[in-house]
Amino acid sequence: MNEALTKEDLRQFSLLLLNEIKIILKESTPVKNETYDPEWLKSKTVRKLLDISAGSVQNLRTTQKVRFKKVLGSYYYNKGDLQKLFDDENK
């Protein structure tokens, strides 16, 4: 028995399929922890947070005022060191 599919049938099927995919993605995606606070910050993040230039961030690194890591060409800075550095300057 052959039944003809209509455009409406296909539209309904696509909506059902998309809904199922959304449900699967919601269930498989870990919930982001709102309080997640990374210990290491990328250079760009440091520049934005502290409103300083790339040269200033590099100066912090070269004078060894903060710990840093280089991972695949990107520099990461220790958040605790940055906080301590700027807390000390505000005293």
PDB file of N, CA and C in Angstrom:
ATOM      1  N   MET A   1       0.838  -1.160   0.000  1.00  0.00           N
ATOM      2  CA  MET A   1       0.000   0.000   0.000  1.00  0.00           C
ATOM      3  C   MET A   1       0.896   1.240   0.000  1.00  0.00           C
ATOM      4  N   ASN A   2       0.806   2.027  -1.005  1.00  0.00           N
ATOM      5  CA  ASN A   2       1.593   3.241  -1.126  1.00  0.00           C
ATOM      6  C   ASN A   2       0.763   4.435  -0.711  1.00  0.00           C
ATOM      7  N   GLU A   3       1.354   5.225   0.225  1.00  0.00           N
ATOM      8  CA  GLU A   3       0.700   6.466   0.616  1.00  0.00           C
ATOM      9  C   GLU A   3       1.585   7.616   0.167  1.00  0.00           C
ATOM     10  N   ALA A   4       0.974   8.622  -0.354  1.00  0.00           N
ATOM     11  CA  ALA A   4       1.721   9.786  -0.808  1.00  0.00           C
ATOM     12  C   ALA A   4       2.032  10.686   0.389  1.00  0.00           C
ATOM     13  N   LEU A   5       3.273  11.136   0.442  1.00  0.00           N
ATOM     14  CA  LEU A   5       3.669  12.083   1.482  1.00  0.00           C
ATOM     15  C   LEU A   5       3.407  13.492   0.984  1.00  0.00           C
ATOM     16  N   THR A   6       2.889  14.292   1.869  1.00  0.00           N
ATOM     17  CA  THR A   6       2.635  15.685   1.506  1.00  0.00           C
ATOM     18  C   THR A   6       3.708  16.566   2.140  1.00  0.00           C
ATOM     19  N   LYS A   7       3.747  17.796   1.694  1.00  0.00           N
ATOM     20  CA  LYS A   7       4.674  18.758   2.294  1.00  0.00           C
ATOM     21  C   LYS A   7       4.360  18.937   3.777  1.00  0.00           C
ATOM     22  N   GLU A   8       3.097  18.897   4.111  1.00  0.00           N
ATOM     23  CA  GLU A   8       2.686  19.050   5.518  1.00  0.00           C
ATOM     24  C   GLU A   8       3.192  17.874   6.352  1.00  0.00           C
ATOM     25  N   ASP A   9       3.155  16.665   5.791  1.00  0.00           N
ATOM     26  CA  ASP A   9       3.696  15.492   6.494  1.00  0.00           C
ATOM     27  C   ASP A   9       5.182  15.677   6.782  1.00  0.00           C
ATOM     28  N   LEU A  10       5.900  16.146   5.793  1.00  0.00           N
ATOM     29  CA  LEU A  10       7.333  16.370   5.968  1.00  0.00           C
ATOM     30  C   LEU A  10       7.615  17.477   6.978  1.00  0.00           C
ATOM     31  N   ARG A  11       6.802  18.520   6.938  1.00  0.00           N
ATOM     32  CA  ARG A  11       6.969  19.617   7.896  1.00  0.00           C
ATOM     33  C   ARG A  11       6.740  19.126   9.316  1.00  0.00           C
ATOM     34  N   GLN A  12       5.681  18.349   9.515  1.00  0.00           N
ATOM     35  CA  GLN A  12       5.382  17.798  10.845  1.00  0.00           C
ATOM     36  C   GLN A  12       6.508  16.876  11.322  1.00  0.00           C
ATOM     37  N   PHE A  13       7.013  16.058  10.410  1.00  0.00           N
ATOM     38  CA  PHE A  13       8.103  15.159  10.750  1.00  0.00           C
ATOM     39  C   PHE A  13       9.357  15.939  11.149  1.00  0.00           C
ATOM     40  N   SER A  14       9.661  16.989  10.396  1.00  0.00           N
ATOM     41  CA  SER A  14      10.857  17.779  10.710  1.00  0.00           C
ATOM     42  C   SER A  14      10.719  18.468  12.070  1.00  0.00           C
ATOM     43  N   LEU A  15       9.524  18.944  12.384  1.00  0.00           N
ATOM     44  CA  LEU A  15       9.310  19.567  13.697  1.00  0.00           C
ATOM     45  C   LEU A  15       9.475  18.553  14.823  1.00  0.00           C
ATOM     46  N   LEU A  16       8.930  17.355  14.631  1.00  0.00           N
ATOM     47  CA  LEU A  16       9.096  16.299  15.634  1.00  0.00           C
ATOM     48  C   LEU A  16      10.567  15.919  15.792  1.00  0.00           C
ATOM     49  N   LEU A  17      11.259  15.807  14.693  1.00  0.00           N
ATOM     50  CA  LEU A  17      12.666  15.440  14.718  1.00  0.00           C
ATOM     51  C   LEU A  17      13.500  16.508  15.427  1.00  0.00           C
ATOM     52  N   LEU A  18      13.265  17.765  15.105  1.00  0.00           N
ATOM     53  CA  LEU A  18      13.986  18.859  15.757  1.00  0.00           C
ATOM     54  C   LEU A  18      13.716  18.891  17.255  1.00  0.00           C
ATOM     55  N   ASN A  19      12.480  18.637  17.638  1.00  0.00           N
ATOM     56  CA  ASN A  19      12.131  18.621  19.053  1.00  0.00           C
ATOM     57  C   ASN A  19      12.874  17.495  19.778  1.00  0.00           C
ATOM     58  N   GLU A  20      12.943  16.331  19.163  1.00  0.00           N
ATOM     59  CA  GLU A  20      13.661  15.196  19.759  1.00  0.00           C
ATOM     60  C   GLU A  20      15.151  15.501  19.899  1.00  0.00           C
ATOM     61  N   ILE A  21      15.719  16.145  18.894  1.00  0.00           N
ATOM     62  CA  ILE A  21      17.138  16.503  18.939  1.00  0.00           C
ATOM     63  C   ILE A  21      17.388  17.488  20.083  1.00  0.00           C
ATOM     64  N   LYS A  22      16.509  18.471  20.233  1.00  0.00           N
ATOM     65  CA  LYS A  22      16.648  19.444  21.321  1.00  0.00           C
ATOM     66  C   LYS A  22      16.609  18.753  22.679  1.00  0.00           C
ATOM     67  N   ILE A  23      15.713  17.807  22.849  1.00  0.00           N
ATOM     68  CA  ILE A  23      15.601  17.075  24.109  1.00  0.00           C
ATOM     69  C   ILE A  23      16.888  16.296  24.385  1.00  0.00           C
ATOM     70  N   ILE A  24      17.396  15.625  23.367  1.00  0.00           N
ATOM     71  CA  ILE A  24      18.628  14.845  23.528  1.00  0.00           C
ATOM     72  C   ILE A  24      19.798  15.757  23.886  1.00  0.00           C
ATOM     73  N   LEU A  25      19.899  16.912  23.225  1.00  0.00           N
ATOM     74  CA  LEU A  25      20.985  17.846  23.515  1.00  0.00           C
ATOM     75  C   LEU A  25      20.889  18.397  24.929  1.00  0.00           C
ATOM     76  N   LYS A  26      19.694  18.715  25.375  1.00  0.00           N
ATOM     77  CA  LYS A  26      19.505  19.212  26.739  1.00  0.00           C
ATOM     78  C   LYS A  26      19.945  18.178  27.761  1.00  0.00           C
ATOM     79  N   GLU A  27      19.606  16.940  27.521  1.00  0.00           N
ATOM     80  CA  GLU A  27      19.934  15.872  28.462  1.00  0.00           C
ATOM     81  C   GLU A  27      21.426  15.556  28.464  1.00  0.00           C
ATOM     82  N   SER A  28      22.082  15.705  27.328  1.00  0.00           N
ATOM     83  CA  SER A  28      23.492  15.321  27.243  1.00  0.00           C
ATOM     84  C   SER A  28      24.453  16.463  27.538  1.00  0.00           C
ATOM     85  N   THR A  29      23.979  17.702  27.513  1.00  0.00           N
ATOM     86  CA  THR A  29      24.838  18.843  27.773  1.00  0.00           C
ATOM     87  C   THR A  29      24.924  19.071  29.276  1.00  0.00           C
ATOM     88  N   PRO A  30      26.161  19.077  29.820  1.00  0.00           N
ATOM     89  CA  PRO A  30      26.277  19.316  31.254  1.00  0.00           C
ATOM     90  C   PRO A  30      25.824  20.734  31.594  1.00  0.00           C
ATOM     91  N   VAL A  31      25.191  20.865  32.723  1.00  0.00           N
ATOM     92  CA  VAL A  31      24.727  22.172  33.168  1.00  0.00           C
ATOM     93  C   VAL A  31      25.936  22.976  33.612  1.00  0.00           C
ATOM     94  N   LYS A  32      26.022  24.191  33.113  1.00  0.00           N
ATOM     95  CA  LYS A  32      27.127  25.050  33.504  1.00  0.00           C
ATOM     96  C   LYS A  32      26.930  25.473  34.947  1.00  0.00           C
ATOM     97  N   ASN A  33      27.994  25.358  35.697  1.00  0.00           N
ATOM     98  CA  ASN A  33      27.969  25.786  37.086  1.00  0.00           C
ATOM     99  C   ASN A  33      28.084  27.306  37.109  1.00  0.00           C
ATOM    100  N   GLU A  34      27.085  27.957  37.637  1.00  0.00           N
ATOM    101  CA  GLU A  34      27.068  29.421  37.655  1.00  0.00           C
ATOM    102  C   GLU A  34      28.233  29.984  38.459  1.00  0.00           C
ATOM    103  N   THR A  35      28.730  29.208  39.428  1.00  0.00           N
ATOM    104  CA  THR A  35      29.798  29.694  40.284  1.00  0.00           C
ATOM    105  C   THR A  35      31.169  29.271  39.787  1.00  0.00           C
ATOM    106  N   TYR A  36      31.241  28.696  38.592  1.00  0.00           N
ATOM    107  CA  TYR A  36      32.528  28.266  38.049  1.00  0.00           C
ATOM    108  C   TYR A  36      33.452  29.466  37.939  1.00  0.00           C
ATOM    109  N   ASP A  37      34.621  29.328  38.512  1.00  0.00           N
ATOM    110  CA  ASP A  37      35.578  30.424  38.543  1.00  0.00           C
ATOM    111  C   ASP A  37      36.937  29.866  38.143  1.00  0.00           C
ATOM    112  N   PRO A  38      37.341  30.049  36.892  1.00  0.00           N
ATOM    113  CA  PRO A  38      38.595  29.449  36.451  1.00  0.00           C
ATOM    114  C   PRO A  38      39.791  30.021  37.208  1.00  0.00           C
ATOM    115  N   GLU A  39      40.753  29.144  37.483  1.00  0.00           N
ATOM    116  CA  GLU A  39      41.957  29.563  38.187  1.00  0.00           C
ATOM    117  C   GLU A  39      42.923  30.289  37.248  1.00  0.00           C
ATOM    118  N   TRP A  40      42.862  29.944  35.957  1.00  0.00           N
ATOM    119  CA  TRP A  40      43.762  30.529  34.968  1.00  0.00           C
ATOM    120  C   TRP A  40      42.948  31.309  33.939  1.00  0.00           C
ATOM    121  N   LEU A  41      43.395  32.515  33.623  1.00  0.00           N
ATOM    122  CA  LEU A  41      42.685  33.390  32.695  1.00  0.00           C
ATOM    123  C   LEU A  41      43.539  33.668  31.471  1.00  0.00           C
ATOM    124  N   LYS A  42      42.900  33.681  30.312  1.00  0.00           N
ATOM    125  CA  LYS A  42      43.580  34.007  29.060  1.00  0.00           C
ATOM    126  C   LYS A  42      43.969  35.482  29.044  1.00  0.00           C
ATOM    127  N   SER A  43      45.000  35.795  28.272  1.00  0.00           N
ATOM    128  CA  SER A  43      45.496  37.178  28.175  1.00  0.00           C
ATOM    129  C   SER A  43      44.380  38.164  27.840  1.00  0.00           C
ATOM    130  N   LYS A  44      43.553  37.803  26.871  1.00  0.00           N
ATOM    131  CA  LYS A  44      42.469  38.693  26.441  1.00  0.00           C
ATOM    132  C   LYS A  44      41.510  38.986  27.599  1.00  0.00           C
ATOM    133  N   THR A  45      41.217  37.964  28.388  1.00  0.00           N
ATOM    134  CA  THR A  45      40.331  38.140  29.534  1.00  0.00           C
ATOM    135  C   THR A  45      40.963  39.052  30.569  1.00  0.00           C
ATOM    136  N   VAL A  46      42.260  38.863  30.816  1.00  0.00           N
ATOM    137  CA  VAL A  46      42.979  39.707  31.774  1.00  0.00           C
ATOM    138  C   VAL A  46      42.947  41.158  31.317  1.00  0.00           C
ATOM    139  N   ARG A  47      43.194  41.380  30.024  1.00  0.00           N
ATOM    140  CA  ARG A  47      43.183  42.747  29.497  1.00  0.00           C
ATOM    141  C   ARG A  47      41.820  43.403  29.686  1.00  0.00           C
ATOM    142  N   LYS A  48      40.753  42.649  29.415  1.00  0.00           N
ATOM    143  CA  LYS A  48      39.407  43.216  29.553  1.00  0.00           C
ATOM    144  C   LYS A  48      39.062  43.474  31.015  1.00  0.00           C
ATOM    145  N   LEU A  49      39.352  42.510  31.877  1.00  0.00           N
ATOM    146  CA  LEU A  49      39.007  42.647  33.289  1.00  0.00           C
ATOM    147  C   LEU A  49      39.735  43.812  33.951  1.00  0.00           C
ATOM    148  N   LEU A  50      41.007  43.965  33.622  1.00  0.00           N
ATOM    149  CA  LEU A  50      41.824  44.979  34.277  1.00  0.00           C
ATOM    150  C   LEU A  50      41.925  46.265  33.474  1.00  0.00           C
ATOM    151  N   ASP A  51      41.364  46.255  32.271  1.00  0.00           N
ATOM    152  CA  ASP A  51      41.414  47.405  31.378  1.00  0.00           C
ATOM    153  C   ASP A  51      42.854  47.871  31.182  1.00  0.00           C
ATOM    154  N   ILE A  52      43.697  46.918  30.775  1.00  0.00           N
ATOM    155  CA  ILE A  52      45.102  47.225  30.521  1.00  0.00           C
ATOM    156  C   ILE A  52      45.468  46.738  29.116  1.00  0.00           C
ATOM    157  N   SER A  53      46.584  47.229  28.632  1.00  0.00           N
ATOM    158  CA  SER A  53      47.022  46.887  27.275  1.00  0.00           C
ATOM    159  C   SER A  53      47.708  45.527  27.246  1.00  0.00           C
ATOM    160  N   ALA A  54      47.893  45.022  26.035  1.00  0.00           N
ATOM    161  CA  ALA A  54      48.605  43.756  25.857  1.00  0.00           C
ATOM    162  C   ALA A  54      50.038  43.886  26.364  1.00  0.00           C
ATOM    163  N   GLY A  55      50.641  45.057  26.173  1.00  0.00           N
ATOM    164  CA  GLY A  55      52.000  45.299  26.661  1.00  0.00           C
ATOM    165  C   GLY A  55      52.085  45.235  28.175  1.00  0.00           C
ATOM    166  N   SER A  56      51.059  45.748  28.848  1.00  0.00           N
ATOM    167  CA  SER A  56      51.041  45.691  30.308  1.00  0.00           C
ATOM    168  C   SER A  56      50.924  44.263  30.805  1.00  0.00           C
ATOM    169  N   VAL A  57      50.130  43.474  30.115  1.00  0.00           N
ATOM    170  CA  VAL A  57      50.000  42.062  30.489  1.00  0.00           C
ATOM    171  C   VAL A  57      51.335  41.362  30.268  1.00  0.00           C
ATOM    172  N   GLN A  58      51.977  41.659  29.150  1.00  0.00           N
ATOM    173  CA  GLN A  58      53.288  41.065  28.866  1.00  0.00           C
ATOM    174  C   GLN A  58      54.304  41.491  29.926  1.00  0.00           C
ATOM    175  N   ASN A  59      54.240  42.734  30.368  1.00  0.00           N
ATOM    176  CA  ASN A  59      55.143  43.233  31.402  1.00  0.00           C
ATOM    177  C   ASN A  59      54.954  42.461  32.717  1.00  0.00           C
ATOM    178  N   LEU A  60      53.706  42.157  33.067  1.00  0.00           N
ATOM    179  CA  LEU A  60      53.455  41.357  34.267  1.00  0.00           C
ATOM    180  C   LEU A  60      54.115  39.988  34.146  1.00  0.00           C
ATOM    181  N   ARG A  61      54.094  39.459  32.948  1.00  0.00           N
ATOM    182  CA  ARG A  61      54.678  38.141  32.701  1.00  0.00           C
ATOM    183  C   ARG A  61      56.199  38.201  32.753  1.00  0.00           C
ATOM    184  N   THR A  62      56.798  39.165  32.054  1.00  0.00           N
ATOM    185  CA  THR A  62      58.254  39.213  31.959  1.00  0.00           C
ATOM    186  C   THR A  62      58.907  39.612  33.286  1.00  0.00           C
ATOM    187  N   THR A  63      58.220  40.393  34.097  1.00  0.00           N
ATOM    188  CA  THR A  63      58.761  40.756  35.413  1.00  0.00           C
ATOM    189  C   THR A  63      58.427  39.703  36.465  1.00  0.00           C
ATOM    190  N   GLN A  64      57.733  38.656  36.038  1.00  0.00           N
ATOM    191  CA  GLN A  64      57.366  37.528  36.901  1.00  0.00           C
ATOM    192  C   GLN A  64      56.558  37.957  38.122  1.00  0.00           C
ATOM    193  N   LYS A  65      55.692  38.943  37.924  1.00  0.00           N
ATOM    194  CA  LYS A  65      54.813  39.379  39.004  1.00  0.00           C
ATOM    195  C   LYS A  65      53.628  38.444  39.171  1.00  0.00           C
ATOM    196  N   VAL A  66      53.300  37.729  38.106  1.00  0.00           N
ATOM    197  CA  VAL A  66      52.219  36.736  38.166  1.00  0.00           C
ATOM    198  C   VAL A  66      52.688  35.452  37.483  1.00  0.00           C
ATOM    199  N   ARG A  67      52.187  34.327  37.961  1.00  0.00           N
ATOM    200  CA  ARG A  67      52.489  33.053  37.317  1.00  0.00           C
ATOM    201  C   ARG A  67      51.715  32.969  36.009  1.00  0.00           C
ATOM    202  N   PHE A  68      52.302  32.303  35.046  1.00  0.00           N
ATOM    203  CA  PHE A  68      51.639  32.131  33.755  1.00  0.00           C
ATOM    204  C   PHE A  68      52.000  30.780  33.175  1.00  0.00           C
ATOM    205  N   LYS A  69      51.182  30.367  32.225  1.00  0.00           N
ATOM    206  CA  LYS A  69      51.417  29.139  31.473  1.00  0.00           C
ATOM    207  C   LYS A  69      51.223  29.471  30.011  1.00  0.00           C
ATOM    208  N   LYS A  70      52.005  28.822  29.173  1.00  0.00           N
ATOM    209  CA  LYS A  70      51.798  28.966  27.739  1.00  0.00           C
ATOM    210  C   LYS A  70      51.290  27.635  27.219  1.00  0.00           C
ATOM    211  N   VAL A  71      50.092  27.662  26.662  1.00  0.00           N
ATOM    212  CA  VAL A  71      49.467  26.448  26.138  1.00  0.00           C
ATOM    213  C   VAL A  71      49.100  26.696  24.685  1.00  0.00           C
ATOM    214  N   LEU A  72      49.738  25.939  23.801  1.00  0.00           N
ATOM    215  CA  LEU A  72      49.476  26.033  22.362  1.00  0.00           C
ATOM    216  C   LEU A  72      49.501  27.479  21.860  1.00  0.00           C
ATOM    217  N   GLY A  73      50.474  28.240  22.313  1.00  0.00           N
ATOM    218  CA  GLY A  73      50.644  29.600  21.830  1.00  0.00           C
ATOM    219  C   GLY A  73      49.838  30.657  22.564  1.00  0.00           C
ATOM    220  N   SER A  74      48.984  30.267  23.497  1.00  0.00           N
ATOM    221  CA  SER A  74      48.206  31.227  24.266  1.00  0.00           C
ATOM    222  C   SER A  74      48.728  31.279  25.701  1.00  0.00           C
ATOM    223  N   TYR A  75      48.782  32.481  26.239  1.00  0.00           N
ATOM    224  CA  TYR A  75      49.227  32.647  27.617  1.00  0.00           C
ATOM    225  C   TYR A  75      48.028  32.661  28.555  1.00  0.00           C
ATOM    226  N   TYR A  76      48.192  32.001  29.689  1.00  0.00           N
ATOM    227  CA  TYR A  76      47.180  31.966  30.741  1.00  0.00           C
ATOM    228  C   TYR A  76      47.823  32.466  32.019  1.00  0.00           C
ATOM    229  N   TYR A  77      47.102  33.306  32.768  1.00  0.00           N
ATOM    230  CA  TYR A  77      47.628  33.927  33.965  1.00  0.00           C
ATOM    231  C   TYR A  77      46.845  33.453  35.183  1.00  0.00           C
ATOM    232  N   ASN A  78      47.566  33.293  36.292  1.00  0.00           N
ATOM    233  CA  ASN A  78      46.941  32.819  37.518  1.00  0.00           C
ATOM    234  C   ASN A  78      46.074  33.921  38.113  1.00  0.00           C
ATOM    235  N   LYS A  79      44.809  33.617  38.282  1.00  0.00           N
ATOM    236  CA  LYS A  79      43.850  34.613  38.764  1.00  0.00           C
ATOM    237  C   LYS A  79      44.169  35.067  40.187  1.00  0.00           C
ATOM    238  N   GLY A  80      44.570  34.119  41.026  1.00  0.00           N
ATOM    239  CA  GLY A  80      44.911  34.458  42.408  1.00  0.00           C
ATOM    240  C   GLY A  80      46.075  35.432  42.484  1.00  0.00           C
ATOM    241  N   ASP A  81      47.091  35.226  41.629  1.00  0.00           N
ATOM    242  CA  ASP A  81      48.241  36.127  41.603  1.00  0.00           C
ATOM    243  C   ASP A  81      47.823  37.529  41.166  1.00  0.00           C
ATOM    244  N   LEU A  82      46.966  37.599  40.160  1.00  0.00           N
ATOM    245  CA  LEU A  82      46.483  38.903  39.686  1.00  0.00           C
ATOM    246  C   LEU A  82      45.702  39.620  40.776  1.00  0.00           C
ATOM    247  N   GLN A  83      44.837  38.879  41.458  1.00  0.00           N
ATOM    248  CA  GLN A  83      44.032  39.474  42.532  1.00  0.00           C
ATOM    249  C   GLN A  83      44.937  39.994  43.639  1.00  0.00           C
ATOM    250  N   LYS A  84      45.913  39.189  44.030  1.00  0.00           N
ATOM    251  CA  LYS A  84      46.838  39.580  45.101  1.00  0.00           C
ATOM    252  C   LYS A  84      47.641  40.808  44.694  1.00  0.00           C
ATOM    253  N   LEU A  85      48.129  40.822  43.466  1.00  0.00           N
ATOM    254  CA  LEU A  85      48.916  41.939  42.973  1.00  0.00           C
ATOM    255  C   LEU A  85      48.137  43.247  43.062  1.00  0.00           C
ATOM    256  N   PHE A  86      46.885  43.220  42.619  1.00  0.00           N
ATOM    257  CA  PHE A  86      46.109  44.451  42.608  1.00  0.00           C
ATOM    258  C   PHE A  86      45.517  44.778  43.969  1.00  0.00           C
ATOM    259  N   ASP A  87      45.341  43.778  44.833  1.00  0.00           N
ATOM    260  CA  ASP A  87      44.929  44.057  46.214  1.00  0.00           C
ATOM    261  C   ASP A  87      46.059  44.752  46.956  1.00  0.00           C
ATOM    262  N   ASP A  88      47.300  44.300  46.729  1.00  0.00           N
ATOM    263  CA  ASP A  88      48.467  44.915  47.366  1.00  0.00           C
ATOM    264  C   ASP A  88      48.643  46.356  46.929  1.00  0.00           C
ATOM    265  N   GLU A  89      48.394  46.636  45.639  1.00  0.00           N
ATOM    266  CA  GLU A  89      48.552  47.997  45.125  1.00  0.00           C
ATOM    267  C   GLU A  89      47.491  48.947  45.668  1.00  0.00           C
ATOM    268  N   ASN A  90      46.330  48.421  46.048  1.00  0.00           N
ATOM    269  CA  ASN A  90      45.245  49.270  46.540  1.00  0.00           C
ATOM    270  C   ASN A  90      45.357  49.561  48.027  1.00  0.00           C
ATOM    271  N   LYS A  91      46.337  48.988  48.695  1.00  0.00           N
ATOM    272  CA  LYS A  91      46.505  49.215  50.144  1.00  0.00           C
ATOM    273  C   LYS A  91      47.279  50.473  50.405  1.00  0.00           C
TER     274      LYS A  91
END
